[in-house]
Amino acid sequence: MPASDGGAMLWPAALSLAGDEGGGTDYTHYGFVDVNGKLVVPQRYDGYQYCPNREGRASFLIASLGEQKDDIYDLTGKLLMQSPTPDTLCGGIDRVIIRHIIDAEAGKVDEGLLNVVTHKVEIPIVHNRHLTVVNPATVNVSDPSGEYFDELLNDARVPHPGFLDEQATLGDGWPLIVTDRRRDLTTKDVKLGIVDSMGKLLLKPSLTEATGFYNGFSVIADGDQYTFMNTSLKSLGGTWDEIEEVYTDPGRAVVGFLVTRGADHGLLGVDLSTIIPPGSAAISCANDTGACAVAEDDGATSMVQLPASEKKALPQGFSRVLSPAFFADEVPGEGEFSERIYLTGSSSVVTLPAQSSCEAQANTWVTCVPDVGMAAPVVINAAGQVTPFASVTVVADPIPEAGYAYYWVTSGRIEGFVDSNGTWRYQQSRYTQLED
């Protein structure tokens, strides 16, 4: 099971365990499978996260189990070290944020920075110190007395005004969003401004909302109206009641914007060009595929596959876009239930055994779960064949934008990984119980 670049990777293998006979809650433990399809890390953890290198590729893994100290593995399954704390986060290139949680609901934590290569604490944990990853090479350090950017590659410290907004740091680079005071889960009505990588305040905190900059634009609000701001701090793109970013996985890249003004809806490109002018057409975008269905008043429905602007008419009788590979009809008055699936690759139709709730897994499979009775789910591949699988879930590749090479599936008494052709790469029993 090699990654798309041929490099090392640990793939998460989930083991579902039943609760006590007295009605205890079911729970899941995770282990990890290597590139050879071998379980090299036992299924004993209840959580995990991959930490990226400078290029965004997964480079090591943090595995967690309750209140025990976290384990840190390289992507061959070798234990690099145990974190000194039971709560650990990715902290930039070869680093993790180590933390003591004081009050989780109030967002009160004490944090420091640990190098997993040297095993040295580079920033010690102190009271009320917060760390936020800005990018793999930069960590923001927030102390009660002020904040600074810690440049990990040259160990430079760059003080800056304001307090970095942890809710709006994700994006494609500088500039960054700062608040007029420290934000935690209990703070209300903070104002947001913008700072650059040299610590210069570009815009004093005055905005009520702002996202990170994607493709050179931030979605901002001053009051209850939304617009866009470019990196020159110019507002553009019109004023809207709501702006929703449209993503495509993998990579969670922004590929467009769904905009609303009153009862009108429109679709803008990633460069803010108009793709669907604001109007009465209903627009819905499939989860993380960049594919949007545009339903006109006359009943005609078309698909727009962002970031492109071309419209593709859906076949008559189909109105839902599950992904670019799968369309579905809609049972009148039954919400999002369907009876037929249209396969765009072969222009063929599959009739379902019962009206079902359907969801695409990338462009490879669609899973349809009947809404009544004990009928089993149906999993259909892109060729229109009903597979022996009962469920399919995409597994992200460690390389950003690489796509999906493997899927976690269940079939009868077994579960495990298959590739895009449905070939098993790792199997385990669905009924295995741990003894520890």
Protein backbone atom coordinates (compact mmCIF):
# COMPACT_ATOMS: atom_id res chain seq x y z
CA MET A 1 0.00 0.00 0.00
CA PRO A 2 2.54 2.62 -1.03
CA ALA A 3 1.68 6.30 -0.97
CA SER A 4 1.28 8.08 -4.30
CA ASP A 5 4.91 9.27 -4.17
CA GLY A 6 6.20 5.79 -3.35
CA GLY A 7 7.31 6.91 0.11
CA ALA A 8 6.59 5.57 3.57
CA MET A 9 3.10 5.73 5.03
CA LEU A 10 1.05 4.37 7.92
CA TRP A 11 -2.60 3.82 7.02
CA PRO A 12 -5.19 3.93 9.86
CA ALA A 13 -6.88 0.56 10.51
CA ALA A 14 -9.93 0.96 12.75
CA LEU A 15 -11.17 -1.79 15.06
CA SER A 16 -14.69 -1.33 16.44
CA LEU A 17 -15.24 -2.78 19.88
CA ALA A 18 -18.52 -3.42 21.64
CA GLY A 19 -19.30 -1.89 25.01
CA ASP A 20 -20.23 -3.75 28.16
CA GLU A 21 -23.23 -6.07 28.18
CA GLY A 22 -24.86 -3.59 30.50
CA GLY A 23 -25.21 -1.12 27.63
CA GLY A 24 -21.78 0.49 27.45
CA THR A 25 -21.02 2.68 24.44
CA ASP A 26 -19.22 1.10 21.49
CA TYR A 27 -15.76 2.50 20.82
CA THR A 28 -13.00 2.37 18.22
CA HIS A 29 -9.30 1.62 18.50
CA TYR A 30 -6.79 2.43 15.77
CA GLY A 31 -3.66 0.70 14.60
CA PHE A 32 -1.63 1.33 11.47
CA VAL A 33 -0.79 -0.63 8.33
CA ASP A 34 2.47 -0.04 6.42
CA VAL A 35 3.16 0.09 2.68
CA ASN A 36 3.33 -3.72 2.56
CA GLY A 37 -0.19 -4.11 3.93
CA LYS A 38 1.08 -5.31 7.32
CA LEU A 39 -0.29 -4.14 10.65
CA VAL A 40 2.87 -2.72 12.25
CA VAL A 41 1.31 -0.57 15.01
CA PRO A 42 -1.19 -2.45 17.24
CA GLN A 43 -4.81 -1.35 17.39
CA ARG A 44 -4.74 0.24 20.81
CA TYR A 45 -5.18 3.98 20.23
CA ASP A 46 -8.35 6.02 20.39
CA GLY A 47 -7.11 8.94 18.29
CA TYR A 48 -4.35 10.02 15.92
CA GLN A 49 -3.11 12.86 13.74
CA TYR A 50 -0.59 13.16 10.91
CA CYS A 51 1.96 15.96 11.05
CA PRO A 52 3.15 17.49 7.75
CA ASN A 53 6.59 18.47 6.51
CA ARG A 54 7.32 21.75 4.73
CA GLU A 55 5.67 20.55 1.52
CA GLY A 56 2.54 19.47 3.38
CA ARG A 57 3.24 15.74 3.10
CA ALA A 58 2.59 13.63 6.22
CA SER A 59 5.97 12.99 7.86
CA PHE A 60 5.16 11.49 11.28
CA LEU A 61 2.20 10.44 13.39
CA ILE A 62 0.89 11.25 16.88
CA ALA A 63 -1.16 8.40 18.41
CA SER A 64 -3.25 8.96 21.55
CA LEU A 65 -4.88 6.76 24.18
CA GLY A 66 -6.96 8.35 26.91
CA GLU A 67 -4.94 10.05 29.61
CA GLN A 68 -1.74 8.21 28.71
CA LYS A 69 1.18 10.10 27.20
CA ASP A 70 1.00 10.26 23.42
CA ASP A 71 3.25 8.09 21.22
CA ILE A 72 5.03 9.57 18.19
CA TYR A 73 5.83 7.26 15.25
CA ASP A 74 7.66 7.70 11.98
CA LEU A 75 5.80 6.46 8.91
CA THR A 76 7.47 3.04 8.91
CA GLY A 77 5.95 2.23 12.32
CA LYS A 78 9.06 2.99 14.38
CA LEU A 79 8.35 4.62 17.74
CA LEU A 80 10.33 7.86 17.73
CA MET A 81 9.51 8.91 21.27
CA GLN A 82 6.79 9.32 23.84
CA SER A 83 5.47 12.81 24.35
CA PRO A 84 5.91 14.19 27.87
CA THR A 85 2.20 15.08 27.91
CA PRO A 86 -1.04 13.18 27.18
CA ASP A 87 -2.22 15.96 24.88
CA THR A 88 0.00 16.66 21.86
CA LEU A 89 -0.55 18.53 18.60
CA CYS A 90 1.42 18.96 15.39
CA GLY A 91 3.79 21.88 15.81
CA GLY A 92 5.54 22.53 12.49
CA ILE A 93 8.54 20.87 10.85
CA ASP A 94 9.75 18.02 13.12
CA ARG A 95 7.96 19.61 16.09
CA VAL A 96 4.95 18.97 18.28
CA ILE A 97 3.06 21.23 20.64
CA ILE A 98 3.02 19.75 24.13
CA ARG A 99 0.27 20.98 26.41
CA HIS A 100 -1.42 20.81 29.77
CA ILE A 101 -5.17 21.40 29.57
CA ILE A 102 -6.37 23.53 32.47
CA ASP A 103 -9.98 24.11 31.39
CA ALA A 104 -10.90 22.69 27.99
CA GLU A 105 -14.32 24.37 27.83
CA ALA A 106 -12.80 27.77 28.50
CA GLY A 107 -9.87 27.16 26.14
CA LYS A 108 -7.32 27.51 28.93
CA VAL A 109 -4.12 25.58 28.19
CA ASP A 110 -0.40 25.84 28.92
CA GLU A 111 1.75 24.91 25.92
CA GLY A 112 5.33 24.42 24.76
CA LEU A 113 7.23 23.16 21.70
CA LEU A 114 9.17 19.89 21.42
CA ASN A 115 11.56 18.80 18.64
CA VAL A 116 10.89 15.12 17.87
CA VAL A 117 14.28 14.67 16.18
CA THR A 118 16.47 16.06 18.98
CA HIS A 119 13.94 15.27 21.77
CA LYS A 120 14.60 18.76 23.12
CA VAL A 121 11.98 21.16 24.45
CA GLU A 122 12.62 24.30 22.40
CA ILE A 123 9.86 26.38 24.01
CA PRO A 124 9.03 25.34 27.57
CA ILE A 125 5.50 25.00 28.87
CA VAL A 126 4.62 28.00 30.98
CA HIS A 127 1.37 29.26 32.47
CA ASN A 128 -1.06 30.67 29.89
CA ARG A 129 1.30 30.22 26.93
CA HIS A 130 -0.49 29.33 23.67
CA LEU A 131 1.11 28.10 20.44
CA THR A 132 -0.46 28.06 16.97
CA VAL A 133 1.01 26.61 13.78
CA VAL A 134 0.97 29.30 11.09
CA ASN A 135 2.67 27.12 8.48
CA PRO A 136 5.05 24.15 8.77
CA ALA A 137 8.00 26.52 9.24
CA THR A 138 6.38 29.09 11.55
CA VAL A 139 4.73 28.87 14.96
CA ASN A 140 3.01 31.75 16.69
CA VAL A 141 3.81 32.02 20.40
CA SER A 142 1.31 33.86 22.59
CA ASP A 143 2.28 34.89 26.11
CA PRO A 144 0.26 37.16 28.39
CA SER A 145 2.81 39.93 27.69
CA GLY A 146 2.58 39.67 23.87
CA GLU A 147 3.07 37.52 20.81
CA TYR A 148 5.74 36.65 18.28
CA PHE A 149 6.32 34.42 15.26
CA ASP A 150 8.94 31.72 15.87
CA GLU A 151 10.68 30.93 12.57
CA LEU A 152 11.70 27.29 13.02
CA LEU A 153 14.28 27.13 10.23
CA ASN A 154 16.42 30.01 11.50
CA ASP A 155 15.17 30.30 15.10
CA ALA A 156 14.22 33.95 14.55
CA ARG A 157 11.60 35.66 16.68
CA VAL A 158 9.38 38.25 15.02
CA PRO A 159 7.19 40.23 17.46
CA HIS A 160 3.86 41.43 16.12
CA PRO A 161 0.91 43.48 17.42
CA GLY A 162 -2.45 41.98 18.19
CA PHE A 163 -3.26 38.38 18.98
CA LEU A 164 -3.29 35.77 16.25
CA ASP A 165 -6.82 34.53 15.55
CA GLU A 166 -6.62 30.74 15.70
CA GLN A 167 -9.92 30.48 13.83
CA ALA A 168 -8.61 32.33 10.77
CA THR A 169 -4.97 31.35 10.31
CA LEU A 170 -5.54 28.65 7.71
CA GLY A 171 -4.99 29.82 4.16
CA ASP A 172 -2.38 29.96 1.44
CA GLY A 173 0.10 32.22 3.21
CA TRP A 174 0.53 35.74 4.46
CA PRO A 175 -1.07 38.02 5.56
CA LEU A 176 -2.67 36.72 8.76
CA ILE A 177 -5.67 37.63 10.87
CA VAL A 178 -5.16 39.08 14.36
CA THR A 179 -7.62 40.10 17.07
CA ASP A 180 -7.66 43.13 19.32
CA ARG A 181 -7.38 40.93 22.40
CA ARG A 182 -6.73 37.35 23.28
CA ARG A 183 -9.48 35.07 22.08
CA ASP A 184 -10.72 32.01 23.96
CA LEU A 185 -13.99 30.13 23.96
CA THR A 186 -15.62 32.63 26.30
CA THR A 187 -14.52 35.84 24.58
CA LYS A 188 -17.20 37.68 22.62
CA ASP A 189 -17.21 40.45 20.03
CA VAL A 190 -13.50 40.66 19.29
CA LYS A 191 -12.40 42.78 16.34
CA LEU A 192 -10.09 41.43 13.67
CA GLY A 193 -7.23 43.03 11.74
CA ILE A 194 -4.39 41.92 9.48
CA VAL A 195 -0.65 41.54 10.08
CA ASP A 196 2.16 40.56 7.69
CA SER A 197 5.06 38.13 8.13
CA MET A 198 7.39 40.88 9.32
CA GLY A 199 5.07 41.71 12.19
CA LYS A 200 3.70 44.90 10.64
CA LEU A 201 0.05 45.73 11.31
CA LEU A 202 -1.55 46.23 7.91
CA LEU A 203 -5.10 46.77 9.12
CA LYS A 204 -6.08 47.72 12.66
CA PRO A 205 -8.66 45.37 14.21
CA SER A 206 -12.01 46.63 12.94
CA LEU A 207 -13.69 43.63 11.24
CA THR A 208 -16.27 41.40 12.89
CA GLU A 209 -15.29 38.33 10.80
CA ALA A 210 -12.42 37.34 8.52
CA THR A 211 -11.13 34.08 7.08
CA GLY A 212 -7.60 33.19 6.12
CA PHE A 213 -6.47 34.26 2.64
CA TYR A 214 -7.13 31.65 -0.07
CA ASN A 215 -5.84 32.38 -3.56
CA GLY A 216 -5.30 35.95 -2.48
CA PHE A 217 -8.75 36.63 -1.00
CA SER A 218 -10.21 36.71 2.50
CA VAL A 219 -13.94 36.65 3.24
CA ILE A 220 -14.60 39.53 5.64
CA ALA A 221 -17.53 41.09 7.47
CA ASP A 222 -18.03 44.48 9.10
CA GLY A 223 -21.39 44.00 10.74
CA ASP A 224 -23.75 41.52 9.11
CA GLN A 225 -22.69 42.04 5.47
CA TYR A 226 -19.94 40.03 3.78
CA THR A 227 -17.48 40.86 1.02
CA PHE A 228 -13.96 39.95 -0.08
CA MET A 229 -10.60 41.56 0.62
CA ASN A 230 -7.45 41.03 -1.42
CA THR A 231 -3.87 41.11 -0.13
CA SER A 232 -3.72 44.83 -0.99
CA LEU A 233 -6.53 45.29 1.58
CA LYS A 234 -9.01 46.35 -1.09
CA SER A 235 -12.63 45.27 -0.77
CA LEU A 236 -14.12 43.76 -3.92
CA GLY A 237 -16.46 41.10 -5.24
CA GLY A 238 -19.73 42.67 -4.14
CA THR A 239 -21.61 42.69 -0.85
CA TRP A 240 -23.54 39.62 0.26
CA ASP A 241 -25.71 38.34 3.09
CA GLU A 242 -23.67 35.12 3.13
CA ILE A 243 -20.53 33.77 1.47
CA GLU A 244 -19.79 30.04 1.65
CA GLU A 245 -16.47 28.62 0.48
CA VAL A 246 -16.67 25.61 -1.83
CA TYR A 247 -13.91 23.04 -1.27
CA THR A 248 -12.52 20.11 -3.13
CA ASP A 249 -10.66 17.28 -1.46
CA PRO A 250 -7.94 16.23 -1.17
CA GLY A 251 -6.14 19.25 0.22
CA ARG A 252 -9.29 21.16 1.19
CA ALA A 253 -8.54 23.64 -1.60
CA VAL A 254 -11.00 26.51 -2.06
CA VAL A 255 -12.30 26.34 -5.65
CA GLY A 256 -15.15 28.85 -5.55
CA PHE A 257 -17.75 30.67 -3.49
CA LEU A 258 -21.50 30.19 -3.05
CA VAL A 259 -23.01 33.64 -2.42
CA THR A 260 -26.45 34.69 -1.17
CA ARG A 261 -28.22 38.05 -1.28
CA GLY A 262 -31.81 37.97 -0.05
CA ALA A 263 -33.56 35.12 -1.89
CA ASP A 264 -30.98 35.09 -4.70
CA HIS A 265 -28.07 32.67 -4.94
CA GLY A 266 -24.99 32.83 -7.16
CA LEU A 267 -21.68 31.11 -7.73
CA LEU A 268 -18.32 32.87 -7.99
CA GLY A 269 -15.04 31.46 -9.20
CA VAL A 270 -11.92 31.33 -7.08
CA ASP A 271 -10.83 34.57 -8.80
CA LEU A 272 -14.28 36.11 -7.95
CA SER A 273 -15.44 35.92 -11.56
CA THR A 274 -19.19 35.34 -11.95
CA ILE A 275 -20.00 31.74 -12.87
CA ILE A 276 -23.72 31.72 -11.98
CA PRO A 277 -25.22 35.24 -11.70
CA PRO A 278 -27.32 35.84 -8.58
CA GLY A 279 -30.87 34.70 -9.21
CA SER A 280 -33.65 32.34 -8.23
CA ALA A 281 -31.86 29.13 -9.25
CA ALA A 282 -31.23 26.76 -6.33
CA ILE A 283 -27.53 25.90 -5.96
CA SER A 284 -26.15 23.05 -3.87
CA CYS A 285 -22.55 21.81 -3.82
CA ALA A 286 -21.57 18.21 -3.13
CA ASN A 287 -19.37 17.71 -0.08
CA ASP A 288 -15.71 18.38 -0.84
CA THR A 289 -15.92 17.57 -4.56
CA GLY A 290 -16.17 21.05 -6.08
CA ALA A 291 -19.27 19.88 -8.00
CA CYS A 292 -22.39 22.03 -7.73
CA ALA A 293 -25.94 21.40 -8.95
CA VAL A 294 -27.81 24.39 -10.36
CA ALA A 295 -31.60 23.87 -10.49
CA GLU A 296 -33.52 26.41 -12.59
CA ASP A 297 -37.12 27.46 -12.05
CA ASP A 298 -38.21 25.43 -15.08
CA GLY A 299 -36.90 22.21 -13.52
CA ALA A 300 -33.74 21.91 -15.61
CA THR A 301 -30.64 21.06 -13.59
CA SER A 302 -27.00 21.39 -14.59
CA MET A 303 -23.64 20.73 -12.96
CA VAL A 304 -20.76 23.14 -12.59
CA GLN A 305 -17.45 21.48 -11.72
CA LEU A 306 -15.37 24.13 -9.96
CA PRO A 307 -12.91 25.69 -10.53
CA ALA A 308 -14.06 25.47 -14.20
CA SER A 309 -17.10 27.53 -15.20
CA GLU A 310 -18.71 25.30 -17.84
CA LYS A 311 -22.24 24.03 -17.18
CA LYS A 312 -23.15 20.42 -17.95
CA ALA A 313 -26.82 19.56 -18.21
CA LEU A 314 -27.96 16.65 -16.05
CA PRO A 315 -30.00 13.94 -17.80
CA GLN A 316 -33.75 14.35 -17.58
CA GLY A 317 -35.11 13.05 -14.29
CA PHE A 318 -31.85 13.58 -12.36
CA SER A 319 -31.37 16.60 -10.15
CA ARG A 320 -28.75 15.72 -7.54
CA VAL A 321 -24.97 15.82 -8.00
CA LEU A 322 -23.29 13.31 -5.68
CA SER A 323 -19.90 13.77 -7.38
CA PRO A 324 -18.78 14.40 -10.97
CA ALA A 325 -19.09 10.63 -11.55
CA PHE A 326 -22.53 10.04 -10.00
CA PHE A 327 -25.88 11.83 -10.34
CA ALA A 328 -29.08 10.83 -8.57
CA ASP A 329 -32.79 11.44 -8.90
CA GLU A 330 -34.87 12.73 -6.01
CA VAL A 331 -38.00 11.09 -4.66
CA PRO A 332 -40.68 13.82 -4.46
CA GLY A 333 -41.50 14.78 -0.90
CA GLU A 334 -38.89 12.42 0.58
CA GLY A 335 -36.01 14.78 1.19
CA GLU A 336 -32.71 13.50 -0.18
CA PHE A 337 -33.81 9.94 -1.01
CA SER A 338 -33.18 8.52 -4.47
CA GLU A 339 -34.33 5.55 -6.57
CA ARG A 340 -31.87 5.74 -9.46
CA ILE A 341 -28.17 6.52 -9.96
CA TYR A 342 -26.76 7.90 -13.21
CA LEU A 343 -23.15 6.98 -14.07
CA THR A 344 -21.48 9.75 -16.04
CA GLY A 345 -18.63 7.55 -17.28
CA SER A 346 -20.89 5.12 -19.14
CA SER A 347 -24.08 7.22 -19.40
CA SER A 348 -25.96 4.32 -17.81
CA VAL A 349 -28.56 4.13 -15.06
CA VAL A 350 -28.75 1.82 -12.04
CA THR A 351 -32.13 1.32 -10.38
CA LEU A 352 -31.87 0.84 -6.63
CA PRO A 353 -33.81 -1.96 -4.88
CA ALA A 354 -35.39 0.60 -2.53
CA GLN A 355 -35.44 4.34 -2.14
CA SER A 356 -32.18 5.20 -0.41
CA SER A 357 -29.96 7.92 0.93
CA CYS A 358 -26.89 7.95 -1.33
CA GLU A 359 -23.42 9.38 -0.89
CA ALA A 360 -20.47 9.27 -3.28
CA GLN A 361 -17.01 8.21 -2.16
CA ALA A 362 -14.92 10.36 -4.50
CA ASN A 363 -15.53 9.25 -8.11
CA THR A 364 -15.03 5.55 -7.40
CA TRP A 365 -18.10 4.32 -5.50
CA VAL A 366 -21.50 5.45 -4.34
CA THR A 367 -23.09 4.03 -1.18
CA CYS A 368 -26.89 3.90 -0.95
CA VAL A 369 -28.59 3.09 2.35
CA PRO A 370 -32.30 2.14 2.21
CA ASP A 371 -34.53 4.34 4.33
CA VAL A 372 -36.86 1.58 5.56
CA GLY A 373 -36.77 -2.01 6.71
CA MET A 374 -33.76 -4.27 7.10
CA ALA A 375 -32.52 -4.03 3.51
CA ALA A 376 -28.75 -3.98 3.22
CA PRO A 377 -26.83 -0.96 1.85
CA VAL A 378 -25.84 -1.09 -1.80
CA VAL A 379 -22.36 -0.02 -2.98
CA ILE A 380 -22.03 0.63 -6.71
CA ASN A 381 -18.76 1.22 -8.54
CA ALA A 382 -18.20 3.66 -11.40
CA ALA A 383 -18.88 0.89 -13.93
CA GLY A 384 -22.38 0.40 -12.52
CA GLN A 385 -21.64 -2.92 -10.83
CA VAL A 386 -23.09 -3.72 -7.41
CA THR A 387 -20.11 -4.67 -5.24
CA PRO A 388 -20.00 -7.11 -2.29
CA PHE A 389 -19.16 -4.22 0.03
CA ALA A 390 -21.58 -2.98 2.67
CA SER A 391 -19.77 0.32 3.20
CA VAL A 392 -16.91 2.29 1.67
CA THR A 393 -15.00 5.26 3.10
CA VAL A 394 -12.26 7.19 1.31
CA VAL A 395 -8.80 7.27 2.89
CA ALA A 396 -6.78 10.41 2.16
CA ASP A 397 -3.32 10.09 0.64
CA PRO A 398 -0.49 11.78 2.61
CA ILE A 399 0.38 13.88 -0.44
CA PRO A 400 -1.78 17.01 -0.76
CA GLU A 401 -3.84 17.04 -3.96
CA ALA A 402 -2.85 13.43 -4.74
CA GLY A 403 -6.37 11.99 -4.63
CA TYR A 404 -7.47 8.71 -3.12
CA ALA A 405 -5.66 5.42 -3.68
CA TYR A 406 -7.26 3.30 -0.94
CA TYR A 407 -10.64 2.85 0.70
CA TRP A 408 -11.76 1.33 3.99
CA VAL A 409 -14.55 -1.17 3.30
CA THR A 410 -16.71 -3.71 5.11
CA SER A 411 -17.96 -6.93 3.53
CA GLY A 412 -19.67 -9.64 5.54
CA ARG A 413 -17.40 -10.69 8.39
CA ILE A 414 -14.31 -8.85 7.13
CA GLU A 415 -13.16 -5.29 6.70
CA GLY A 416 -10.01 -3.57 5.55
CA PHE A 417 -8.36 -1.65 2.73
CA VAL A 418 -9.02 -2.03 -0.97
CA ASP A 419 -7.57 -0.09 -3.88
CA SER A 420 -9.62 1.77 -6.48
CA ASN A 421 -10.17 -1.49 -8.38
CA GLY A 422 -11.71 -3.14 -5.32
CA THR A 423 -8.71 -5.42 -4.73
CA TRP A 424 -8.08 -6.24 -1.08
CA ARG A 425 -4.79 -4.87 0.29
CA TYR A 426 -5.39 -5.57 3.99
CA GLN A 427 -8.08 -7.61 5.77
CA GLN A 428 -9.19 -8.16 9.35
CA SER A 429 -12.16 -9.72 11.11
CA ARG A 430 -14.96 -7.35 12.01
CA TYR A 431 -15.55 -9.32 15.21
CA THR A 432 -12.06 -9.36 16.73
CA GLN A 433 -11.92 -8.30 20.36
CA LEU A 434 -8.92 -6.98 22.21
CA GLU A 435 -7.94 -8.80 25.37
CA ASP A 436 -6.10 -5.97 27.14
